[in-house]
Amino acid sequence: MKELISKLKELDLKNCKVELIGNWLWISGNTYQIKEQLKDLGFFYSHNKKSWFFNNSNHKRNRAFCNSIEEIKTKYPTEEIMI
């Protein structure tokens, strides 16, 4: 995850918020200009949460059960990453 965060520092994230929630890295805000770079880094876009996410663990997503980002934050440790 540290290597990915160092790669994010090369992007223009001035109007974005980067958060580590559990084992997942989330990026929200004005990401339109960097969407292709985020895809290249392995991020996926969540239309429901209006955020990009990355997870490198073996945890499988359950698409049938979708929590809001606020519900996820109450369940898992959250850390804002300053970039």
PDB file of N, CA and C in Angstrom:
ATOM      1  N   MET A   1       0.824  -1.190   0.000  1.00  0.00           N
ATOM      2  CA  MET A   1       0.000   0.000   0.000  1.00  0.00           C
ATOM      3  C   MET A   1       0.872   1.260   0.000  1.00  0.00           C
ATOM      4  N   LYS A   2       2.042   1.194   0.642  1.00  0.00           N
ATOM      5  CA  LYS A   2       2.935   2.358   0.681  1.00  0.00           C
ATOM      6  C   LYS A   2       3.402   2.746  -0.713  1.00  0.00           C
ATOM      7  N   GLU A   3       3.674   1.742  -1.542  1.00  0.00           N
ATOM      8  CA  GLU A   3       4.114   2.020  -2.913  1.00  0.00           C
ATOM      9  C   GLU A   3       3.007   2.716  -3.705  1.00  0.00           C
ATOM     10  N   LEU A   4       1.779   2.263  -3.511  1.00  0.00           N
ATOM     11  CA  LEU A   4       0.640   2.882  -4.195  1.00  0.00           C
ATOM     12  C   LEU A   4       0.458   4.329  -3.740  1.00  0.00           C
ATOM     13  N   ILE A   5       0.585   4.579  -2.453  1.00  0.00           N
ATOM     14  CA  ILE A   5       0.438   5.942  -1.933  1.00  0.00           C
ATOM     15  C   ILE A   5       1.533   6.841  -2.486  1.00  0.00           C
ATOM     16  N   SER A   6       2.741   6.313  -2.634  1.00  0.00           N
ATOM     17  CA  SER A   6       3.806   7.134  -3.213  1.00  0.00           C
ATOM     18  C   SER A   6       3.514   7.460  -4.678  1.00  0.00           C
ATOM     19  N   LYS A   7       2.897   6.546  -5.407  1.00  0.00           N
ATOM     20  CA  LYS A   7       2.500   6.821  -6.790  1.00  0.00           C
ATOM     21  C   LYS A   7       1.387   7.859  -6.850  1.00  0.00           C
ATOM     22  N   LEU A   8       0.495   7.847  -5.862  1.00  0.00           N
ATOM     23  CA  LEU A   8      -0.584   8.837  -5.816  1.00  0.00           C
ATOM     24  C   LEU A   8      -0.032  10.246  -5.633  1.00  0.00           C
ATOM     25  N   LYS A   9       1.105  10.363  -4.972  1.00  0.00           N
ATOM     26  CA  LYS A   9       1.711  11.673  -4.740  1.00  0.00           C
ATOM     27  C   LYS A   9       2.127  12.341  -6.036  1.00  0.00           C
ATOM     28  N   GLU A  10       2.280  11.569  -7.101  1.00  0.00           N
ATOM     29  CA  GLU A  10       2.640  12.118  -8.408  1.00  0.00           C
ATOM     30  C   GLU A  10       1.430  12.695  -9.146  1.00  0.00           C
ATOM     31  N   LEU A  11       0.221  12.405  -8.660  1.00  0.00           N
ATOM     32  CA  LEU A  11      -0.996  12.878  -9.309  1.00  0.00           C
ATOM     33  C   LEU A  11      -1.457  14.199  -8.707  1.00  0.00           C
ATOM     34  N   ASP A  12      -2.291  14.913  -9.448  1.00  0.00           N
ATOM     35  CA  ASP A  12      -2.857  16.178  -8.973  1.00  0.00           C
ATOM     36  C   ASP A  12      -4.095  15.879  -8.134  1.00  0.00           C
ATOM     37  N   LEU A  13      -3.908  15.751  -6.828  1.00  0.00           N
ATOM     38  CA  LEU A  13      -4.996  15.399  -5.912  1.00  0.00           C
ATOM     39  C   LEU A  13      -5.393  16.568  -5.014  1.00  0.00           C
ATOM     40  N   LYS A  14      -5.171  17.805  -5.480  1.00  0.00           N
ATOM     41  CA  LYS A  14      -5.401  18.963  -4.607  1.00  0.00           C
ATOM     42  C   LYS A  14      -6.862  19.137  -4.200  1.00  0.00           C
ATOM     43  N   ASN A  15      -7.806  18.685  -5.008  1.00  0.00           N
ATOM     44  CA  ASN A  15      -9.229  18.792  -4.666  1.00  0.00           C
ATOM     45  C   ASN A  15      -9.823  17.433  -4.326  1.00  0.00           C
ATOM     46  N   CYS A  16      -8.983  16.538  -3.823  1.00  0.00           N
ATOM     47  CA  CYS A  16      -9.417  15.178  -3.521  1.00  0.00           C
ATOM     48  C   CYS A  16      -9.121  14.834  -2.061  1.00  0.00           C
ATOM     49  N   LYS A  17      -9.856  13.856  -1.578  1.00  0.00           N
ATOM     50  CA  LYS A  17      -9.639  13.341  -0.236  1.00  0.00           C
ATOM     51  C   LYS A  17      -9.246  11.874  -0.366  1.00  0.00           C
ATOM     52  N   VAL A  18      -8.137  11.501   0.263  1.00  0.00           N
ATOM     53  CA  VAL A  18      -7.641  10.129   0.219  1.00  0.00           C
ATOM     54  C   VAL A  18      -7.760   9.551   1.623  1.00  0.00           C
ATOM     55  N   GLU A  19      -8.450   8.418   1.727  1.00  0.00           N
ATOM     56  CA  GLU A  19      -8.677   7.803   3.033  1.00  0.00           C
ATOM     57  C   GLU A  19      -8.375   6.318   2.970  1.00  0.00           C
ATOM     58  N   LEU A  20      -7.748   5.820   4.024  1.00  0.00           N
ATOM     59  CA  LEU A  20      -7.558   4.396   4.207  1.00  0.00           C
ATOM     60  C   LEU A  20      -8.639   3.944   5.186  1.00  0.00           C
ATOM     61  N   ILE A  21      -9.559   3.132   4.691  1.00  0.00           N
ATOM     62  CA  ILE A  21     -10.670   2.635   5.520  1.00  0.00           C
ATOM     63  C   ILE A  21     -10.543   1.119   5.556  1.00  0.00           C
ATOM     64  N   GLY A  22     -10.142   0.600   6.709  1.00  0.00           N
ATOM     65  CA  GLY A  22      -9.836  -0.826   6.800  1.00  0.00           C
ATOM     66  C   GLY A  22      -8.638  -1.116   5.907  1.00  0.00           C
ATOM     67  N   ASN A  23      -8.793  -2.045   4.977  1.00  0.00           N
ATOM     68  CA  ASN A  23      -7.728  -2.378   4.015  1.00  0.00           C
ATOM     69  C   ASN A  23      -7.968  -1.731   2.661  1.00  0.00           C
ATOM     70  N   TRP A  24      -8.943  -0.863   2.569  1.00  0.00           N
ATOM     71  CA  TRP A  24      -9.332  -0.266   1.302  1.00  0.00           C
ATOM     72  C   TRP A  24      -8.889   1.188   1.249  1.00  0.00           C
ATOM     73  N   LEU A  25      -8.379   1.602   0.115  1.00  0.00           N
ATOM     74  CA  LEU A  25      -7.991   2.993  -0.107  1.00  0.00           C
ATOM     75  C   LEU A  25      -9.086   3.645  -0.950  1.00  0.00           C
ATOM     76  N   TRP A  26      -9.626   4.758  -0.466  1.00  0.00           N
ATOM     77  CA  TRP A  26     -10.720   5.469  -1.135  1.00  0.00           C
ATOM     78  C   TRP A  26     -10.263   6.868  -1.522  1.00  0.00           C
ATOM     79  N   ILE A  27     -10.653   7.307  -2.709  1.00  0.00           N
ATOM     80  CA  ILE A  27     -10.353   8.659  -3.176  1.00  0.00           C
ATOM     81  C   ILE A  27     -11.653   9.294  -3.639  1.00  0.00           C
ATOM     82  N   SER A  28     -11.980  10.440  -3.052  1.00  0.00           N
ATOM     83  CA  SER A  28     -13.201  11.157  -3.422  1.00  0.00           C
ATOM     84  C   SER A  28     -12.847  12.592  -3.776  1.00  0.00           C
ATOM     85  N   GLY A  29     -13.801  13.282  -4.342  1.00  0.00           N
ATOM     86  CA  GLY A  29     -13.582  14.676  -4.722  1.00  0.00           C
ATOM     87  C   GLY A  29     -13.534  14.824  -6.229  1.00  0.00           C
ATOM     88  N   ASN A  30     -12.843  15.852  -6.684  1.00  0.00           N
ATOM     89  CA  ASN A  30     -12.760  16.156  -8.108  1.00  0.00           C
ATOM     90  C   ASN A  30     -11.673  15.285  -8.760  1.00  0.00           C
ATOM     91  N   THR A  31     -12.072  14.098  -9.205  1.00  0.00           N
ATOM     92  CA  THR A  31     -11.119  13.128  -9.743  1.00  0.00           C
ATOM     93  C   THR A  31     -11.214  12.970 -11.261  1.00  0.00           C
ATOM     94  N   TYR A  32     -12.074  13.747 -11.895  1.00  0.00           N
ATOM     95  CA  TYR A  32     -12.314  13.551 -13.327  1.00  0.00           C
ATOM     96  C   TYR A  32     -11.022  13.641 -14.151  1.00  0.00           C
ATOM     97  N   GLN A  33     -10.168  14.598 -13.829  1.00  0.00           N
ATOM     98  CA  GLN A  33      -8.942  14.812 -14.608  1.00  0.00           C
ATOM     99  C   GLN A  33      -7.929  13.679 -14.449  1.00  0.00           C
ATOM    100  N   ILE A  34      -8.045  12.892 -13.387  1.00  0.00           N
ATOM    101  CA  ILE A  34      -7.056  11.836 -13.127  1.00  0.00           C
ATOM    102  C   ILE A  34      -7.666  10.438 -13.193  1.00  0.00           C
ATOM    103  N   LYS A  35      -8.861  10.321 -13.727  1.00  0.00           N
ATOM    104  CA  LYS A  35      -9.543   9.024 -13.712  1.00  0.00           C
ATOM    105  C   LYS A  35      -8.772   7.945 -14.463  1.00  0.00           C
ATOM    106  N   GLU A  36      -8.140   8.274 -15.567  1.00  0.00           N
ATOM    107  CA  GLU A  36      -7.384   7.272 -16.320  1.00  0.00           C
ATOM    108  C   GLU A  36      -6.157   6.806 -15.539  1.00  0.00           C
ATOM    109  N   GLN A  37      -5.497   7.729 -14.858  1.00  0.00           N
ATOM    110  CA  GLN A  37      -4.342   7.349 -14.034  1.00  0.00           C
ATOM    111  C   GLN A  37      -4.771   6.452 -12.876  1.00  0.00           C
ATOM    112  N   LEU A  38      -5.933   6.750 -12.286  1.00  0.00           N
ATOM    113  CA  LEU A  38      -6.436   5.910 -11.195  1.00  0.00           C
ATOM    114  C   LEU A  38      -6.754   4.510 -11.702  1.00  0.00           C
ATOM    115  N   LYS A  39      -7.358   4.410 -12.875  1.00  0.00           N
ATOM    116  CA  LYS A  39      -7.625   3.098 -13.472  1.00  0.00           C
ATOM    117  C   LYS A  39      -6.319   2.341 -13.693  1.00  0.00           C
ATOM    118  N   ASP A  40      -5.314   3.037 -14.200  1.00  0.00           N
ATOM    119  CA  ASP A  40      -4.018   2.403 -14.459  1.00  0.00           C
ATOM    120  C   ASP A  40      -3.369   1.887 -13.177  1.00  0.00           C
ATOM    121  N   LEU A  41      -3.654   2.536 -12.054  1.00  0.00           N
ATOM    122  CA  LEU A  41      -3.111   2.109 -10.762  1.00  0.00           C
ATOM    123  C   LEU A  41      -3.912   0.977 -10.130  1.00  0.00           C
ATOM    124  N   GLY A  42      -5.042   0.602 -10.757  1.00  0.00           N
ATOM    125  CA  GLY A  42      -5.846  -0.505 -10.244  1.00  0.00           C
ATOM    126  C   GLY A  42      -7.064  -0.091  -9.447  1.00  0.00           C
ATOM    127  N   PHE A  43      -7.407   1.198  -9.458  1.00  0.00           N
ATOM    128  CA  PHE A  43      -8.593   1.664  -8.757  1.00  0.00           C
ATOM    129  C   PHE A  43      -9.840   1.377  -9.583  1.00  0.00           C
ATOM    130  N   PHE A  44     -10.968   1.239  -8.887  1.00  0.00           N
ATOM    131  CA  PHE A  44     -12.276   1.083  -9.506  1.00  0.00           C
ATOM    132  C   PHE A  44     -13.182   2.193  -8.993  1.00  0.00           C
ATOM    133  N   TYR A  45     -14.154   2.576  -9.800  1.00  0.00           N
ATOM    134  CA  TYR A  45     -15.052   3.661  -9.399  1.00  0.00           C
ATOM    135  C   TYR A  45     -16.356   3.093  -8.863  1.00  0.00           C
ATOM    136  N   SER A  46     -16.783   3.587  -7.715  1.00  0.00           N
ATOM    137  CA  SER A  46     -18.068   3.227  -7.131  1.00  0.00           C
ATOM    138  C   SER A  46     -19.051   4.352  -7.421  1.00  0.00           C
ATOM    139  N   HIS A  47     -20.015   4.090  -8.297  1.00  0.00           N
ATOM    140  CA  HIS A  47     -21.004   5.106  -8.643  1.00  0.00           C
ATOM    141  C   HIS A  47     -21.871   5.462  -7.444  1.00  0.00           C
ATOM    142  N   ASN A  48     -22.193   4.472  -6.610  1.00  0.00           N
ATOM    143  CA  ASN A  48     -23.031   4.730  -5.434  1.00  0.00           C
ATOM    144  C   ASN A  48     -22.335   5.640  -4.427  1.00  0.00           C
ATOM    145  N   LYS A  49     -21.037   5.455  -4.270  1.00  0.00           N
ATOM    146  CA  LYS A  49     -20.290   6.224  -3.270  1.00  0.00           C
ATOM    147  C   LYS A  49     -19.585   7.436  -3.868  1.00  0.00           C
ATOM    148  N   LYS A  50     -19.619   7.566  -5.199  1.00  0.00           N
ATOM    149  CA  LYS A  50     -18.960   8.682  -5.902  1.00  0.00           C
ATOM    150  C   LYS A  50     -17.495   8.774  -5.499  1.00  0.00           C
ATOM    151  N   SER A  51     -16.842   7.611  -5.405  1.00  0.00           N
ATOM    152  CA  SER A  51     -15.446   7.534  -4.976  1.00  0.00           C
ATOM    153  C   SER A  51     -14.748   6.402  -5.717  1.00  0.00           C
ATOM    154  N   TRP A  52     -13.428   6.545  -5.819  1.00  0.00           N
ATOM    155  CA  TRP A  52     -12.583   5.488  -6.355  1.00  0.00           C
ATOM    156  C   TRP A  52     -12.090   4.643  -5.199  1.00  0.00           C
ATOM    157  N   PHE A  53     -11.921   3.323  -5.427  1.00  0.00           N
ATOM    158  CA  PHE A  53     -11.440   2.459  -4.354  1.00  0.00           C
ATOM    159  C   PHE A  53     -10.398   1.486  -4.881  1.00  0.00           C
ATOM    160  N   PHE A  54      -9.528   1.065  -3.959  1.00  0.00           N
ATOM    161  CA  PHE A  54      -8.496   0.082  -4.247  1.00  0.00           C
ATOM    162  C   PHE A  54      -8.413  -0.862  -3.062  1.00  0.00           C
ATOM    163  N   ASN A  55      -8.357  -2.161  -3.357  1.00  0.00           N
ATOM    164  CA  ASN A  55      -8.195  -3.166  -2.314  1.00  0.00           C
ATOM    165  C   ASN A  55      -7.293  -4.257  -2.861  1.00  0.00           C
ATOM    166  N   ASN A  56      -6.170  -4.479  -2.210  1.00  0.00           N
ATOM    167  CA  ASN A  56      -5.256  -5.503  -2.694  1.00  0.00           C
ATOM    168  C   ASN A  56      -5.319  -6.792  -1.893  1.00  0.00           C
ATOM    169  N   SER A  57      -6.283  -6.915  -1.000  1.00  0.00           N
ATOM    170  CA  SER A  57      -6.407  -8.151  -0.225  1.00  0.00           C
ATOM    171  C   SER A  57      -7.280  -9.144  -0.991  1.00  0.00           C
ATOM    172  N   ASN A  58      -7.434 -10.317  -0.450  1.00  0.00           N
ATOM    173  CA  ASN A  58      -8.262 -11.345  -1.078  1.00  0.00           C
ATOM    174  C   ASN A  58      -9.734 -11.216  -0.719  1.00  0.00           C
ATOM    175  N   HIS A  59     -10.069 -10.162  -0.002  1.00  0.00           N
ATOM    176  CA  HIS A  59     -11.457  -9.943   0.404  1.00  0.00           C
ATOM    177  C   HIS A  59     -12.329  -9.757  -0.831  1.00  0.00           C
ATOM    178  N   LYS A  60     -13.395 -10.524  -0.915  1.00  0.00           N
ATOM    179  CA  LYS A  60     -14.312 -10.411  -2.041  1.00  0.00           C
ATOM    180  C   LYS A  60     -15.397  -9.403  -1.708  1.00  0.00           C
ATOM    181  N   ARG A  61     -15.746  -8.619  -2.701  1.00  0.00           N
ATOM    182  CA  ARG A  61     -16.813  -7.643  -2.521  1.00  0.00           C
ATOM    183  C   ARG A  61     -18.148  -8.324  -2.703  1.00  0.00           C
ATOM    184  N   ASN A  62     -19.101  -7.957  -1.902  1.00  0.00           N
ATOM    185  CA  ASN A  62     -20.471  -8.448  -2.049  1.00  0.00           C
ATOM    186  C   ASN A  62     -21.286  -7.331  -2.670  1.00  0.00           C
ATOM    187  N   ARG A  63     -21.491  -7.408  -3.962  1.00  0.00           N
ATOM    188  CA  ARG A  63     -22.200  -6.343  -4.670  1.00  0.00           C
ATOM    189  C   ARG A  63     -23.660  -6.250  -4.263  1.00  0.00           C
ATOM    190  N   ALA A  64     -24.228  -7.327  -3.720  1.00  0.00           N
ATOM    191  CA  ALA A  64     -25.630  -7.302  -3.325  1.00  0.00           C
ATOM    192  C   ALA A  64     -25.825  -6.492  -2.043  1.00  0.00           C
ATOM    193  N   PHE A  65     -24.765  -6.358  -1.260  1.00  0.00           N
ATOM    194  CA  PHE A  65     -24.864  -5.626   0.000  1.00  0.00           C
ATOM    195  C   PHE A  65     -23.961  -4.408  -0.072  1.00  0.00           C
ATOM    196  N   CYS A  66     -24.559  -3.248  -0.196  1.00  0.00           N
ATOM    197  CA  CYS A  66     -23.779  -2.017  -0.368  1.00  0.00           C
ATOM    198  C   CYS A  66     -24.017  -1.078   0.801  1.00  0.00           C
ATOM    199  N   ASN A  67     -22.973  -0.851   1.576  1.00  0.00           N
ATOM    200  CA  ASN A  67     -23.035   0.133   2.652  1.00  0.00           C
ATOM    201  C   ASN A  67     -22.655   1.495   2.111  1.00  0.00           C
ATOM    202  N   SER A  68     -23.153   2.534   2.767  1.00  0.00           N
ATOM    203  CA  SER A  68     -22.689   3.873   2.420  1.00  0.00           C
ATOM    204  C   SER A  68     -21.268   4.027   2.943  1.00  0.00           C
ATOM    205  N   ILE A  69     -20.578   5.013   2.430  1.00  0.00           N
ATOM    206  CA  ILE A  69     -19.203   5.233   2.879  1.00  0.00           C
ATOM    207  C   ILE A  69     -19.175   5.587   4.371  1.00  0.00           C
ATOM    208  N   GLU A  70     -20.186   6.270   4.849  1.00  0.00           N
ATOM    209  CA  GLU A  70     -20.251   6.619   6.278  1.00  0.00           C
ATOM    210  C   GLU A  70     -20.454   5.369   7.137  1.00  0.00           C
ATOM    211  N   GLU A  71     -21.259   4.417   6.664  1.00  0.00           N
ATOM    212  CA  GLU A  71     -21.449   3.163   7.400  1.00  0.00           C
ATOM    213  C   GLU A  71     -20.146   2.360   7.441  1.00  0.00           C
ATOM    214  N   ILE A  72     -19.423   2.365   6.341  1.00  0.00           N
ATOM    215  CA  ILE A  72     -18.147   1.654   6.287  1.00  0.00           C
ATOM    216  C   ILE A  72     -17.163   2.274   7.279  1.00  0.00           C
ATOM    217  N   LYS A  73     -17.160   3.611   7.361  1.00  0.00           N
ATOM    218  CA  LYS A  73     -16.238   4.305   8.270  1.00  0.00           C
ATOM    219  C   LYS A  73     -16.513   3.978   9.736  1.00  0.00           C
ATOM    220  N   THR A  74     -17.775   3.729  10.087  1.00  0.00           N
ATOM    221  CA  THR A  74     -18.088   3.387  11.475  1.00  0.00           C
ATOM    222  C   THR A  74     -17.682   1.959  11.810  1.00  0.00           C
ATOM    223  N   LYS A  75     -17.545   1.110  10.789  1.00  0.00           N
ATOM    224  CA  LYS A  75     -17.229  -0.295  11.004  1.00  0.00           C
ATOM    225  C   LYS A  75     -15.725  -0.576  11.022  1.00  0.00           C
ATOM    226  N   TYR A  76     -14.944   0.212  10.275  1.00  0.00           N
ATOM    227  CA  TYR A  76     -13.515  -0.037  10.117  1.00  0.00           C
ATOM    228  C   TYR A  76     -12.696   1.185  10.518  1.00  0.00           C
ATOM    229  N   PRO A  77     -11.438   0.956  10.951  1.00  0.00           N
ATOM    230  CA  PRO A  77     -10.572   2.098  11.264  1.00  0.00           C
ATOM    231  C   PRO A  77     -10.362   2.953  10.023  1.00  0.00           C
ATOM    232  N   THR A  78     -10.376   4.264  10.215  1.00  0.00           N
ATOM    233  CA  THR A  78     -10.263   5.206   9.107  1.00  0.00           C
ATOM    234  C   THR A  78      -9.114   6.171   9.352  1.00  0.00           C
ATOM    235  N   GLU A  79      -8.329   6.374   8.321  1.00  0.00           N
ATOM    236  CA  GLU A  79      -7.210   7.315   8.408  1.00  0.00           C
ATOM    237  C   GLU A  79      -7.165   8.144   7.141  1.00  0.00           C
ATOM    238  N   GLU A  80      -7.183   9.464   7.300  1.00  0.00           N
ATOM    239  CA  GLU A  80      -7.019  10.326   6.120  1.00  0.00           C
ATOM    240  C   GLU A  80      -5.551  10.384   5.768  1.00  0.00           C
ATOM    241  N   ILE A  81      -5.251  10.178   4.493  1.00  0.00           N
ATOM    242  CA  ILE A  81      -3.872  10.194   4.000  1.00  0.00           C
ATOM    243  C   ILE A  81      -3.602  11.572   3.422  1.00  0.00           C
ATOM    244  N   MET A  82      -2.618  12.243   3.978  1.00  0.00           N
ATOM    245  CA  MET A  82      -2.255  13.581   3.490  1.00  0.00           C
ATOM    246  C   MET A  82      -1.272  13.431   2.338  1.00  0.00           C
ATOM    247  N   ILE A  83      -1.691  13.921   1.176  1.00  0.00           N
ATOM    248  CA  ILE A  83      -0.832  13.817  -0.012  1.00  0.00           C
ATOM    249  C   ILE A  83      -0.538  15.212  -0.515  1.00  0.00           C
TER     250      ILE A  83
END
